[in-house]
């Protein structure tokens, strides 16, 4: 059985999160926050990225309150 490196050839990586918004790296679409799923589909369908990872992230604010968010990492 041969093992393939799924990440081979990846030159550009983007991170999308449910706790922060950002502009698309290639056009003027707003990504993240409430349109998390739409943002993932946008990078895949419109810009040829593939989904590399989806997971949970924990962060803390200045008052040490804990926040959970979902992150997606895409690459091409």
PDB file of N, CA and C in Angstrom:
ATOM      1  N   UNK A   1       0.839  -1.171   0.000  1.00  0.00           N
ATOM      2  CA  UNK A   1       0.000   0.000   0.000  1.00  0.00           C
ATOM      3  C   UNK A   1       0.889   1.242   0.000  1.00  0.00           C
ATOM      4  N   UNK A   2       0.618   2.149  -0.914  1.00  0.00           N
ATOM      5  CA  UNK A   2       1.421   3.357  -1.003  1.00  0.00           C
ATOM      6  C   UNK A   2       0.761   4.481  -0.205  1.00  0.00           C
ATOM      7  N   UNK A   3       1.581   5.284   0.412  1.00  0.00           N
ATOM      8  CA  UNK A   3       1.098   6.419   1.191  1.00  0.00           C
ATOM      9  C   UNK A   3       1.311   7.681   0.365  1.00  0.00           C
ATOM     10  N   UNK A   4       0.239   8.472   0.222  1.00  0.00           N
ATOM     11  CA  UNK A   4       0.342   9.724  -0.508  1.00  0.00           C
ATOM     12  C   UNK A   4       0.302  10.885   0.474  1.00  0.00           C
ATOM     13  N   UNK A   5       1.060  11.908   0.183  1.00  0.00           N
ATOM     14  CA  UNK A   5       1.069  13.100   1.012  1.00  0.00           C
ATOM     15  C   UNK A   5      -0.035  14.035   0.508  1.00  0.00           C
ATOM     16  N   UNK A   6      -1.124  14.112   1.273  1.00  0.00           N
ATOM     17  CA  UNK A   6      -2.283  14.922   0.896  1.00  0.00           C
ATOM     18  C   UNK A   6      -1.918  16.398   0.786  1.00  0.00           C
ATOM     19  N   UNK A   7      -0.895  16.822   1.497  1.00  0.00           N
ATOM     20  CA  UNK A   7      -0.502  18.230   1.526  1.00  0.00           C
ATOM     21  C   UNK A   7       0.547  18.585   0.474  1.00  0.00           C
ATOM     22  N   UNK A   8       1.020  17.616  -0.276  1.00  0.00           N
ATOM     23  CA  UNK A   8       2.042  17.878  -1.283  1.00  0.00           C
ATOM     24  C   UNK A   8       1.515  18.875  -2.317  1.00  0.00           C
ATOM     25  N   UNK A   9       2.319  19.845  -2.634  1.00  0.00           N
ATOM     26  CA  UNK A   9       1.964  20.828  -3.636  1.00  0.00           C
ATOM     27  C   UNK A   9       1.199  22.025  -3.107  1.00  0.00           C
ATOM     28  N   UNK A  10       0.842  22.027  -1.840  1.00  0.00           N
ATOM     29  CA  UNK A  10       0.114  23.158  -1.261  1.00  0.00           C
ATOM     30  C   UNK A  10       1.060  24.345  -1.157  1.00  0.00           C
ATOM     31  N   UNK A  11       0.678  25.446  -1.779  1.00  0.00           N
ATOM     32  CA  UNK A  11       1.515  26.641  -1.752  1.00  0.00           C
ATOM     33  C   UNK A  11       0.831  27.814  -1.051  1.00  0.00           C
ATOM     34  N   UNK A  12      -0.497  27.781  -0.980  1.00  0.00           N
ATOM     35  CA  UNK A  12      -1.272  28.860  -0.347  1.00  0.00           C
ATOM     36  C   UNK A  12      -2.227  28.238   0.666  1.00  0.00           C
ATOM     37  N   UNK A  13      -2.240  28.781   1.868  1.00  0.00           N
ATOM     38  CA  UNK A  13      -3.106  28.284   2.934  1.00  0.00           C
ATOM     39  C   UNK A  13      -3.922  29.454   3.478  1.00  0.00           C
ATOM     40  N   UNK A  14      -5.215  29.193   3.727  1.00  0.00           N
ATOM     41  CA  UNK A  14      -6.071  30.186   4.368  1.00  0.00           C
ATOM     42  C   UNK A  14      -6.733  29.542   5.580  1.00  0.00           C
ATOM     43  N   UNK A  15      -7.045  30.366   6.556  1.00  0.00           N
ATOM     44  CA  UNK A  15      -7.715  29.928   7.783  1.00  0.00           C
ATOM     45  C   UNK A  15      -9.008  30.717   7.900  1.00  0.00           C
ATOM     46  N   UNK A  16     -10.110  30.012   8.129  1.00  0.00           N
ATOM     47  CA  UNK A  16     -11.423  30.618   8.314  1.00  0.00           C
ATOM     48  C   UNK A  16     -11.905  30.221   9.698  1.00  0.00           C
ATOM     49  N   UNK A  17     -12.518  31.153  10.429  1.00  0.00           N
ATOM     50  CA  UNK A  17     -12.960  30.861  11.789  1.00  0.00           C
ATOM     51  C   UNK A  17     -14.339  31.456  12.055  1.00  0.00           C
ATOM     52  N   UNK A  18     -15.047  30.828  12.990  1.00  0.00           N
ATOM     53  CA  UNK A  18     -16.373  31.308  13.370  1.00  0.00           C
ATOM     54  C   UNK A  18     -16.313  32.489  14.331  1.00  0.00           C
ATOM     55  N   UNK A  19     -15.132  32.809  14.843  1.00  0.00           N
ATOM     56  CA  UNK A  19     -15.014  33.920  15.786  1.00  0.00           C
ATOM     57  C   UNK A  19     -14.347  35.159  15.194  1.00  0.00           C
ATOM     58  N   UNK A  20     -14.011  35.122  13.930  1.00  0.00           N
ATOM     59  CA  UNK A  20     -13.392  36.293  13.300  1.00  0.00           C
ATOM     60  C   UNK A  20     -13.724  36.326  11.819  1.00  0.00           C
ATOM     61  N   UNK A  21     -13.784  37.526  11.302  1.00  0.00           N
ATOM     62  CA  UNK A  21     -14.074  37.700   9.887  1.00  0.00           C
ATOM     63  C   UNK A  21     -12.889  38.296   9.164  1.00  0.00           C
ATOM     64  N   UNK A  22     -12.821  38.020   7.887  1.00  0.00           N
ATOM     65  CA  UNK A  22     -11.730  38.539   7.061  1.00  0.00           C
ATOM     66  C   UNK A  22     -12.203  38.568   5.617  1.00  0.00           C
ATOM     67  N   UNK A  23     -11.499  39.261   4.790  1.00  0.00           N
ATOM     68  CA  UNK A  23     -11.807  39.261   3.367  1.00  0.00           C
ATOM     69  C   UNK A  23     -11.169  38.069   2.679  1.00  0.00           C
ATOM     70  N   UNK A  24     -11.792  37.620   1.603  1.00  0.00           N
ATOM     71  CA  UNK A  24     -11.212  36.559   0.786  1.00  0.00           C
ATOM     72  C   UNK A  24      -9.861  37.040   0.259  1.00  0.00           C
ATOM     73  N   UNK A  25      -8.905  36.136   0.189  1.00  0.00           N
ATOM     74  CA  UNK A  25      -7.565  36.488  -0.286  1.00  0.00           C
ATOM     75  C   UNK A  25      -7.529  36.788  -1.785  1.00  0.00           C
ATOM     76  N   UNK A  26      -8.614  36.437  -2.506  1.00  0.00           N
ATOM     77  CA  UNK A  26      -8.614  36.571  -3.957  1.00  0.00           C
ATOM     78  C   UNK A  26      -9.674  37.523  -4.510  1.00  0.00           C
ATOM     79  N   UNK A  27     -10.685  37.826  -3.726  1.00  0.00           N
ATOM     80  CA  UNK A  27     -11.752  38.708  -4.208  1.00  0.00           C
ATOM     81  C   UNK A  27     -12.313  39.488  -3.019  1.00  0.00           C
ATOM     82  N   UNK A  28     -13.447  40.141  -3.195  1.00  0.00           N
ATOM     83  CA  UNK A  28     -13.965  41.011  -2.138  1.00  0.00           C
ATOM     84  C   UNK A  28     -15.017  40.361  -1.243  1.00  0.00           C
ATOM     85  N   UNK A  29     -15.157  39.036  -1.264  1.00  0.00           N
ATOM     86  CA  UNK A  29     -16.138  38.373  -0.415  1.00  0.00           C
ATOM     87  C   UNK A  29     -15.671  38.393   1.042  1.00  0.00           C
ATOM     88  N   UNK A  30     -16.610  38.628   1.956  1.00  0.00           N
ATOM     89  CA  UNK A  30     -16.329  38.573   3.386  1.00  0.00           C
ATOM     90  C   UNK A  30     -16.412  37.129   3.845  1.00  0.00           C
ATOM     91  N   UNK A  31     -15.434  36.660   4.608  1.00  0.00           N
ATOM     92  CA  UNK A  31     -15.366  35.257   5.034  1.00  0.00           C
ATOM     93  C   UNK A  31     -15.314  35.151   6.549  1.00  0.00           C
ATOM     94  N   UNK A  32     -15.845  34.046   7.045  1.00  0.00           N
ATOM     95  CA  UNK A  32     -15.810  33.759   8.469  1.00  0.00           C
ATOM     96  C   UNK A  32     -17.095  34.163   9.170  1.00  0.00           C
ATOM     97  N   UNK A  33     -17.056  34.183  10.493  1.00  0.00           N
ATOM     98  CA  UNK A  33     -18.183  34.529  11.350  1.00  0.00           C
ATOM     99  C   UNK A  33     -19.442  33.758  10.981  1.00  0.00           C
ATOM    100  N   UNK A  34     -20.529  34.469  10.676  1.00  0.00           N
ATOM    101  CA  UNK A  34     -21.813  33.812  10.430  1.00  0.00           C
ATOM    102  C   UNK A  34     -21.873  33.042   9.111  1.00  0.00           C
ATOM    103  N   UNK A  35     -21.049  33.369   8.151  1.00  0.00           N
ATOM    104  CA  UNK A  35     -21.086  32.648   6.871  1.00  0.00           C
ATOM    105  C   UNK A  35     -19.905  31.680   6.738  1.00  0.00           C
ATOM    106  N   UNK A  36     -19.654  30.949   7.810  1.00  0.00           N
ATOM    107  CA  UNK A  36     -18.529  30.011   7.878  1.00  0.00           C
ATOM    108  C   UNK A  36     -18.605  28.962   6.769  1.00  0.00           C
ATOM    109  N   UNK A  37     -19.759  28.282   6.660  1.00  0.00           N
ATOM    110  CA  UNK A  37     -19.909  27.230   5.647  1.00  0.00           C
ATOM    111  C   UNK A  37     -19.825  27.804   4.237  1.00  0.00           C
ATOM    112  N   UNK A  38     -20.460  28.947   4.041  1.00  0.00           N
ATOM    113  CA  UNK A  38     -20.417  29.605   2.725  1.00  0.00           C
ATOM    114  C   UNK A  38     -18.987  29.998   2.364  1.00  0.00           C
ATOM    115  N   UNK A  39     -18.219  30.408   3.350  1.00  0.00           N
ATOM    116  CA  UNK A  39     -16.828  30.794   3.118  1.00  0.00           C
ATOM    117  C   UNK A  39     -15.993  29.595   2.676  1.00  0.00           C
ATOM    118  N   UNK A  40     -16.192  28.456   3.327  1.00  0.00           N
ATOM    119  CA  UNK A  40     -15.472  27.242   2.933  1.00  0.00           C
ATOM    120  C   UNK A  40     -15.821  26.873   1.500  1.00  0.00           C
ATOM    121  N   UNK A  41     -17.120  26.840   1.197  1.00  0.00           N
ATOM    122  CA  UNK A  41     -17.560  26.513  -0.161  1.00  0.00           C
ATOM    123  C   UNK A  41     -17.035  27.510  -1.182  1.00  0.00           C
ATOM    124  N   UNK A  42     -16.972  28.767  -0.819  1.00  0.00           N
ATOM    125  CA  UNK A  42     -16.456  29.803  -1.717  1.00  0.00           C
ATOM    126  C   UNK A  42     -15.008  29.503  -2.123  1.00  0.00           C
ATOM    127  N   UNK A  43     -14.154  29.234  -1.144  1.00  0.00           N
ATOM    128  CA  UNK A  43     -12.753  28.942  -1.466  1.00  0.00           C
ATOM    129  C   UNK A  43     -12.620  27.670  -2.307  1.00  0.00           C
ATOM    130  N   UNK A  44     -13.435  26.661  -2.013  1.00  0.00           N
ATOM    131  CA  UNK A  44     -13.366  25.404  -2.761  1.00  0.00           C
ATOM    132  C   UNK A  44     -13.893  25.589  -4.185  1.00  0.00           C
ATOM    133  N   UNK A  45     -15.097  26.129  -4.313  1.00  0.00           N
ATOM    134  CA  UNK A  45     -15.768  26.215  -5.619  1.00  0.00           C
ATOM    135  C   UNK A  45     -15.251  27.347  -6.505  1.00  0.00           C
ATOM    136  N   UNK A  46     -14.930  28.479  -5.909  1.00  0.00           N
ATOM    137  CA  UNK A  46     -14.546  29.644  -6.714  1.00  0.00           C
ATOM    138  C   UNK A  46     -13.042  29.796  -6.919  1.00  0.00           C
ATOM    139  N   UNK A  47     -12.248  29.234  -6.019  1.00  0.00           N
ATOM    140  CA  UNK A  47     -10.805  29.464  -6.102  1.00  0.00           C
ATOM    141  C   UNK A  47      -9.975  28.189  -6.118  1.00  0.00           C
ATOM    142  N   UNK A  48     -10.604  27.026  -6.138  1.00  0.00           N
ATOM    143  CA  UNK A  48      -9.877  25.769  -6.307  1.00  0.00           C
ATOM    144  C   UNK A  48      -9.132  25.251  -5.091  1.00  0.00           C
ATOM    145  N   UNK A  49      -9.474  25.727  -3.906  1.00  0.00           N
ATOM    146  CA  UNK A  49      -8.835  25.224  -2.686  1.00  0.00           C
ATOM    147  C   UNK A  49      -9.411  23.866  -2.315  1.00  0.00           C
ATOM    148  N   UNK A  50      -8.708  23.154  -1.456  1.00  0.00           N
ATOM    149  CA  UNK A  50      -9.249  21.916  -0.886  1.00  0.00           C
ATOM    150  C   UNK A  50      -9.177  22.028   0.632  1.00  0.00           C
ATOM    151  N   UNK A  51     -10.119  21.348   1.275  1.00  0.00           N
ATOM    152  CA  UNK A  51     -10.212  21.384   2.724  1.00  0.00           C
ATOM    153  C   UNK A  51      -9.116  20.514   3.321  1.00  0.00           C
ATOM    154  N   UNK A  52      -8.279  21.108   4.168  1.00  0.00           N
ATOM    155  CA  UNK A  52      -7.171  20.390   4.786  1.00  0.00           C
ATOM    156  C   UNK A  52      -7.484  19.977   6.217  1.00  0.00           C
ATOM    157  N   UNK A  53      -8.255  20.812   6.919  1.00  0.00           N
ATOM    158  CA  UNK A  53      -8.523  20.526   8.334  1.00  0.00           C
ATOM    159  C   UNK A  53      -9.734  21.321   8.807  1.00  0.00           C
ATOM    160  N   UNK A  54     -10.558  20.706   9.646  1.00  0.00           N
ATOM    161  CA  UNK A  54     -11.621  21.390  10.381  1.00  0.00           C
ATOM    162  C   UNK A  54     -11.479  20.965  11.829  1.00  0.00           C
ATOM    163  N   UNK A  55     -11.551  21.917  12.731  1.00  0.00           N
ATOM    164  CA  UNK A  55     -11.419  21.565  14.135  1.00  0.00           C
ATOM    165  C   UNK A  55     -11.891  22.673  15.044  1.00  0.00           C
ATOM    166  N   UNK A  56     -11.731  22.440  16.318  1.00  0.00           N
ATOM    167  CA  UNK A  56     -12.151  23.390  17.337  1.00  0.00           C
ATOM    168  C   UNK A  56     -10.934  24.112  17.880  1.00  0.00           C
ATOM    169  N   UNK A  57     -11.147  25.364  18.247  1.00  0.00           N
ATOM    170  CA  UNK A  57     -10.070  26.175  18.800  1.00  0.00           C
ATOM    171  C   UNK A  57     -10.576  26.859  20.061  1.00  0.00           C
ATOM    172  N   UNK A  58      -9.743  26.927  21.058  1.00  0.00           N
ATOM    173  CA  UNK A  58     -10.082  27.607  22.308  1.00  0.00           C
ATOM    174  C   UNK A  58      -9.242  28.860  22.411  1.00  0.00           C
ATOM    175  N   UNK A  59      -9.885  29.967  22.769  1.00  0.00           N
ATOM    176  CA  UNK A  59      -9.142  31.209  22.987  1.00  0.00           C
ATOM    177  C   UNK A  59      -9.724  31.909  24.211  1.00  0.00           C
ATOM    178  N   UNK A  60      -8.998  32.896  24.705  1.00  0.00           N
ATOM    179  CA  UNK A  60      -9.423  33.632  25.881  1.00  0.00           C
ATOM    180  C   UNK A  60      -9.406  35.117  25.564  1.00  0.00           C
ATOM    181  N   UNK A  61     -10.380  35.848  26.139  1.00  0.00           N
ATOM    182  CA  UNK A  61     -10.383  37.292  25.957  1.00  0.00           C
ATOM    183  C   UNK A  61      -9.568  37.944  27.079  1.00  0.00           C
ATOM    184  N   UNK A  62      -9.561  39.268  27.122  1.00  0.00           N
ATOM    185  CA  UNK A  62      -8.748  39.985  28.105  1.00  0.00           C
ATOM    186  C   UNK A  62      -9.183  39.728  29.547  1.00  0.00           C
ATOM    187  N   UNK A  63     -10.449  39.343  29.728  1.00  0.00           N
ATOM    188  CA  UNK A  63     -10.955  39.055  31.072  1.00  0.00           C
ATOM    189  C   UNK A  63     -10.840  37.573  31.416  1.00  0.00           C
ATOM    190  N   UNK A  64     -10.084  36.842  30.615  1.00  0.00           N
ATOM    191  CA  UNK A  64      -9.847  35.407  30.783  1.00  0.00           C
ATOM    192  C   UNK A  64     -11.109  34.563  30.634  1.00  0.00           C
ATOM    193  N   UNK A  65     -12.081  35.063  29.858  1.00  0.00           N
ATOM    194  CA  UNK A  65     -13.247  34.255  29.507  1.00  0.00           C
ATOM    195  C   UNK A  65     -12.874  33.362  28.335  1.00  0.00           C
ATOM    196  N   UNK A  66     -13.271  32.116  28.424  1.00  0.00           N
ATOM    197  CA  UNK A  66     -12.911  31.139  27.404  1.00  0.00           C
ATOM    198  C   UNK A  66     -13.953  31.141  26.281  1.00  0.00           C
ATOM    199  N   UNK A  67     -13.475  31.106  25.032  1.00  0.00           N
ATOM    200  CA  UNK A  67     -14.342  31.078  23.854  1.00  0.00           C
ATOM    201  C   UNK A  67     -13.980  29.872  23.005  1.00  0.00           C
ATOM    202  N   UNK A  68     -14.997  29.215  22.480  1.00  0.00           N
ATOM    203  CA  UNK A  68     -14.799  28.082  21.570  1.00  0.00           C
ATOM    204  C   UNK A  68     -15.183  28.540  20.173  1.00  0.00           C
ATOM    205  N   UNK A  69     -14.411  28.165  19.205  1.00  0.00           N
ATOM    206  CA  UNK A  69     -14.743  28.473  17.815  1.00  0.00           C
ATOM    207  C   UNK A  69     -14.356  27.304  16.939  1.00  0.00           C
ATOM    208  N   UNK A  70     -14.921  27.287  15.754  1.00  0.00           N
ATOM    209  CA  UNK A  70     -14.584  26.274  14.755  1.00  0.00           C
ATOM    210  C   UNK A  70     -13.694  26.927  13.717  1.00  0.00           C
ATOM    211  N   UNK A  71     -12.646  26.232  13.326  1.00  0.00           N
ATOM    212  CA  UNK A  71     -11.732  26.743  12.314  1.00  0.00           C
ATOM    213  C   UNK A  71     -11.626  25.746  11.158  1.00  0.00           C
ATOM    214  N   UNK A  72     -11.394  26.277   9.988  1.00  0.00           N
ATOM    215  CA  UNK A  72     -11.141  25.457   8.805  1.00  0.00           C
ATOM    216  C   UNK A  72      -9.866  25.967   8.165  1.00  0.00           C
ATOM    217  N   UNK A  73      -9.032  25.042   7.723  1.00  0.00           N
ATOM    218  CA  UNK A  73      -7.815  25.389   7.007  1.00  0.00           C
ATOM    219  C   UNK A  73      -7.943  24.804   5.609  1.00  0.00           C
ATOM    220  N   UNK A  74      -7.769  25.664   4.613  1.00  0.00           N
ATOM    221  CA  UNK A  74      -7.859  25.248   3.220  1.00  0.00           C
ATOM    222  C   UNK A  74      -6.561  25.588   2.513  1.00  0.00           C
ATOM    223  N   UNK A  75      -6.245  24.848   1.476  1.00  0.00           N
ATOM    224  CA  UNK A  75      -5.017  25.106   0.748  1.00  0.00           C
ATOM    225  C   UNK A  75      -5.138  24.747  -0.712  1.00  0.00           C
ATOM    226  N   UNK A  76      -4.221  25.311  -1.495  1.00  0.00           N
ATOM    227  CA  UNK A  76      -4.125  24.960  -2.911  1.00  0.00           C
ATOM    228  C   UNK A  76      -2.704  25.120  -3.381  1.00  0.00           C
TER     229      UNK A  76
END
